[in-house]
Each structure stands twice: as C-alpha cells, then as structure tokens.
Amino acid sequence: MHNRTRGFTLIELMITVAILGIIAAIALPSYSNYVLRSNRTVGKTVIMRIVGQQESFFSDRKRYAAALNTLSADYTAATIFVKRDGTATTTASAQNIYSITLGDYTQATVANCTVSGTPTATRYAIIATPINNQTKDTACGKLCYGSVGDKGNSGTATDCWTR
C-alpha cells in the first residue's frame, strides 16, 4: 500500500511564480503605455471639440472666443479639466488627465507647445497640459493646436497627433 500525498512541491510553486512574474513584467509596461495613449486620444478629442466650438463661435460673431468660459455654457472657467471619459469640469481632481486653456497663436509657440497670452479675434491656440497620472506621458507631453490647423507637442515623439 502506497501512501501518496497530493499537492504541489515548492519547486513547482516557485516556477509558477517566476513565470507569472515574467508575464507581468512584460504586460504591465504595455498596459501602462496603452492607458497613456488612450488618455491622449481623449485629450485630442476634447481639443478638436473646442476647435469646432471656436469655428461655430467665429461663424456667428466674426471673431474667436477669448476664453473657454465665453465659448460655451459648458465651460464656466477659463481653464477646464478633462476626465478620462472626455467630460470637462472646472474642478481639479485626481481623475483629471489634462487641463485645457486658450492662448494666443503663433506658429513657433504651437510647434513647441508654449502657448500663452490671450486669443485675438482672428487667431487662437489650445493647449492641453497633462496632469496627475498623465504626466507620465513624457513622449508627447503637452498637446497644442493652432487656429490655422497646425499641431504640436512638448515631448520628443513626432507621432502624437497621428496615433
């Protein structure tokens, strides 16, 4: 009569833990990059929504809005904060991924994402500054859009607006 014990040996458990560690080491950075890219898409979507609102504002009034709170009733402050689901709020919180403001436009400032000043009647720039966890997106950093359609970012990546 053989008395067999059932279960796993310590070696089998260690191998399993090692395999799971390797899988996690590969998957976690990929997932983190995916989250940053998807958040960037949300930021670009909000920027383009504001662009559409600016063009509509211009069509009605023959000038661009000088601040977000004059552009739409949805924005009650000059700076808005964007959540991961694309909703805009005027309250800073840990769920926000970008703060968005309007500024004056020049080609050089949009290319380097250093937009400042007040929009004029005929030109504007939008800047989305990453906040909270989105600050880890150092490849793209800030996202900028100029009223003539040019786009820029403060990071080193060149494909921030295309992917």
Protein backbone atom coordinates (compact mmCIF):
# COMPACT_ATOMS: atom_id res chain seq x y z
CA MET A 1 0.00 0.00 0.00
CA HIS A 2 1.49 3.28 -1.13
CA ASN A 3 0.74 6.40 0.80
CA ARG A 4 0.87 9.26 -1.71
CA THR A 5 0.48 12.84 -0.64
CA ARG A 6 -1.15 15.24 -3.03
CA GLY A 7 -0.17 18.82 -3.70
CA PHE A 8 2.49 20.93 -5.28
CA THR A 9 6.15 20.89 -4.49
CA LEU A 10 7.98 24.05 -3.57
CA ILE A 11 9.87 23.92 -6.87
CA GLU A 12 6.63 23.78 -8.87
CA LEU A 13 5.25 26.78 -6.99
CA MET A 14 8.47 28.75 -7.49
CA ILE A 15 8.44 28.04 -11.23
CA THR A 16 4.80 29.17 -11.46
CA VAL A 17 5.55 32.39 -9.57
CA ALA A 18 8.58 33.05 -11.79
CA ILE A 19 6.52 32.57 -14.95
CA LEU A 20 3.81 34.90 -13.65
CA GLY A 21 6.47 37.48 -12.77
CA ILE A 22 7.90 37.37 -16.28
CA ILE A 23 4.45 37.75 -17.82
CA ALA A 24 3.65 40.68 -15.52
CA ALA A 25 6.99 42.35 -16.30
CA ILE A 26 6.15 42.22 -20.00
CA ALA A 27 2.43 43.07 -19.79
CA LEU A 28 2.43 45.92 -17.26
CA PRO A 29 4.53 48.42 -19.26
CA SER A 30 2.49 47.66 -22.39
CA TYR A 31 -0.74 48.24 -20.49
CA SER A 32 0.58 51.48 -18.98
CA ASN A 33 1.55 52.78 -22.44
CA TYR A 34 -1.88 51.81 -23.75
CA VAL A 35 -3.58 53.80 -20.97
CA LEU A 36 -1.41 56.86 -21.70
CA ARG A 37 -2.17 56.65 -25.43
CA SER A 38 -5.90 56.25 -24.85
CA ASN A 39 -5.87 59.23 -22.45
CA ARG A 40 -4.00 61.22 -25.11
CA THR A 41 -6.77 60.37 -27.57
CA VAL A 42 -9.31 61.73 -25.09
CA GLY A 43 -7.30 64.95 -24.82
CA LYS A 44 -7.09 65.31 -28.61
CA THR A 45 -10.82 64.68 -28.90
CA VAL A 46 -11.62 67.45 -26.43
CA ILE A 47 -9.25 69.80 -28.24
CA MET A 48 -10.99 69.09 -31.54
CA ARG A 49 -14.39 69.60 -29.91
CA ILE A 50 -13.21 73.03 -28.75
CA VAL A 51 -11.91 73.75 -32.26
CA GLY A 52 -15.39 73.04 -33.62
CA GLN A 53 -16.94 75.30 -31.00
CA GLN A 54 -14.45 78.06 -31.86
CA GLU A 55 -15.30 77.82 -35.54
CA SER A 56 -19.01 77.94 -34.76
CA PHE A 57 -18.42 80.95 -32.48
CA PHE A 58 -16.46 82.64 -35.28
CA SER A 59 -19.19 81.89 -37.79
CA ASP A 60 -21.78 83.59 -35.57
CA ARG A 61 -19.72 86.54 -34.31
CA LYS A 62 -16.87 87.01 -36.84
CA ARG A 63 -14.29 86.58 -34.08
CA TYR A 64 -12.91 83.80 -31.92
CA ALA A 65 -13.71 83.48 -28.22
CA ALA A 66 -11.01 84.88 -25.97
CA ALA A 67 -11.66 82.37 -23.15
CA LEU A 68 -13.28 78.99 -22.73
CA ASN A 69 -15.98 80.37 -20.44
CA THR A 70 -17.14 82.73 -23.21
CA LEU A 71 -17.02 79.96 -25.79
CA SER A 72 -19.62 77.62 -24.33
CA ALA A 73 -22.04 77.40 -21.42
CA ASP A 74 -20.43 74.00 -20.70
CA TYR A 75 -17.25 75.77 -19.57
CA THR A 76 -17.64 78.02 -16.54
CA ALA A 77 -13.96 78.90 -16.14
CA ALA A 78 -11.04 79.96 -18.31
CA THR A 79 -9.31 76.62 -17.59
CA ILE A 80 -11.10 73.30 -17.83
CA PHE A 81 -10.04 69.88 -16.63
CA VAL A 82 -10.69 66.74 -18.67
CA LYS A 83 -11.51 63.36 -17.18
CA ARG A 84 -10.72 60.01 -18.81
CA ASP A 85 -14.27 59.74 -20.14
CA GLY A 86 -13.89 63.04 -22.00
CA THR A 87 -16.10 65.12 -19.75
CA ALA A 88 -14.93 68.61 -18.91
CA THR A 89 -15.10 70.10 -15.44
CA THR A 90 -13.85 73.22 -13.74
CA THR A 91 -12.86 71.34 -10.60
CA ALA A 92 -9.38 69.86 -10.25
CA SER A 93 -9.41 66.26 -9.04
CA ALA A 94 -7.31 63.10 -9.15
CA GLN A 95 -9.45 61.75 -12.02
CA ASN A 96 -8.43 64.56 -14.39
CA ILE A 97 -5.89 63.85 -17.12
CA TYR A 98 -5.49 67.25 -18.82
CA SER A 99 -6.03 70.91 -18.08
CA ILE A 100 -7.02 72.89 -21.16
CA THR A 101 -6.63 76.61 -21.79
CA LEU A 102 -6.78 79.00 -24.72
CA GLY A 103 -3.90 81.26 -25.67
CA ASP A 104 -2.57 83.44 -28.43
CA TYR A 105 -1.39 81.74 -31.60
CA THR A 106 1.94 81.83 -33.34
CA GLN A 107 3.39 79.02 -35.36
CA ALA A 108 6.52 78.83 -33.20
CA THR A 109 4.65 78.62 -29.92
CA VAL A 110 2.34 75.86 -31.12
CA ALA A 111 5.24 73.86 -32.54
CA ASN A 112 6.96 73.97 -29.13
CA CYS A 113 3.74 73.95 -27.09
CA THR A 114 4.46 77.14 -25.19
CA VAL A 115 1.15 78.86 -25.84
CA SER A 116 0.43 81.92 -23.71
CA GLY A 117 -1.33 85.24 -23.94
CA THR A 118 -4.92 85.92 -24.93
CA PRO A 119 -6.50 84.77 -28.19
CA THR A 120 -7.21 87.52 -30.69
CA ALA A 121 -10.29 87.99 -32.85
CA THR A 122 -8.65 86.11 -35.72
CA ARG A 123 -6.37 83.54 -34.09
CA TYR A 124 -6.15 81.27 -31.07
CA ALA A 125 -4.26 78.29 -29.74
CA ILE A 126 -5.38 75.50 -27.45
CA ILE A 127 -3.03 73.83 -25.02
CA ALA A 128 -3.73 70.59 -23.16
CA THR A 129 -1.33 70.14 -20.25
CA PRO A 130 -1.11 66.64 -18.77
CA ILE A 131 -1.86 66.40 -15.05
CA ASN A 132 -1.94 63.64 -12.44
CA ASN A 133 -1.02 60.23 -13.91
CA GLN A 134 -0.97 61.57 -17.47
CA THR A 135 2.27 63.43 -16.66
CA LYS A 136 3.98 60.06 -17.26
CA ASP A 137 3.34 60.65 -20.98
CA THR A 138 6.71 62.30 -21.45
CA ALA A 139 6.92 61.21 -25.09
CA CYS A 140 4.17 63.67 -26.06
CA GLY A 141 3.75 65.90 -23.02
CA LYS A 142 1.58 68.92 -23.73
CA LEU A 143 -0.64 68.92 -26.81
CA CYS A 144 -1.18 72.15 -28.76
CA TYR A 145 -3.42 73.15 -31.63
CA GLY A 146 -3.28 76.41 -33.58
CA SER A 147 -6.21 78.11 -35.27
CA VAL A 148 -4.70 77.54 -38.71
CA GLY A 149 -4.68 73.79 -38.12
CA ASP A 150 -1.11 73.21 -37.03
CA LYS A 151 -0.44 70.82 -34.18
CA GLY A 152 2.41 70.42 -31.75
CA ASN A 153 3.55 68.76 -28.57
CA SER A 154 6.21 69.39 -25.96
CA GLY A 155 7.64 65.85 -25.96
CA THR A 156 10.14 64.14 -28.19
CA ALA A 157 7.68 61.99 -30.15
CA THR A 158 6.66 63.10 -33.62
CA ASP A 159 3.51 60.97 -33.97
CA CYS A 160 1.44 62.28 -31.05
CA TRP A 161 -1.34 63.57 -33.27
CA THR A 162 -1.39 60.59 -35.61
CA ARG A 163 -1.60 57.67 -33.20
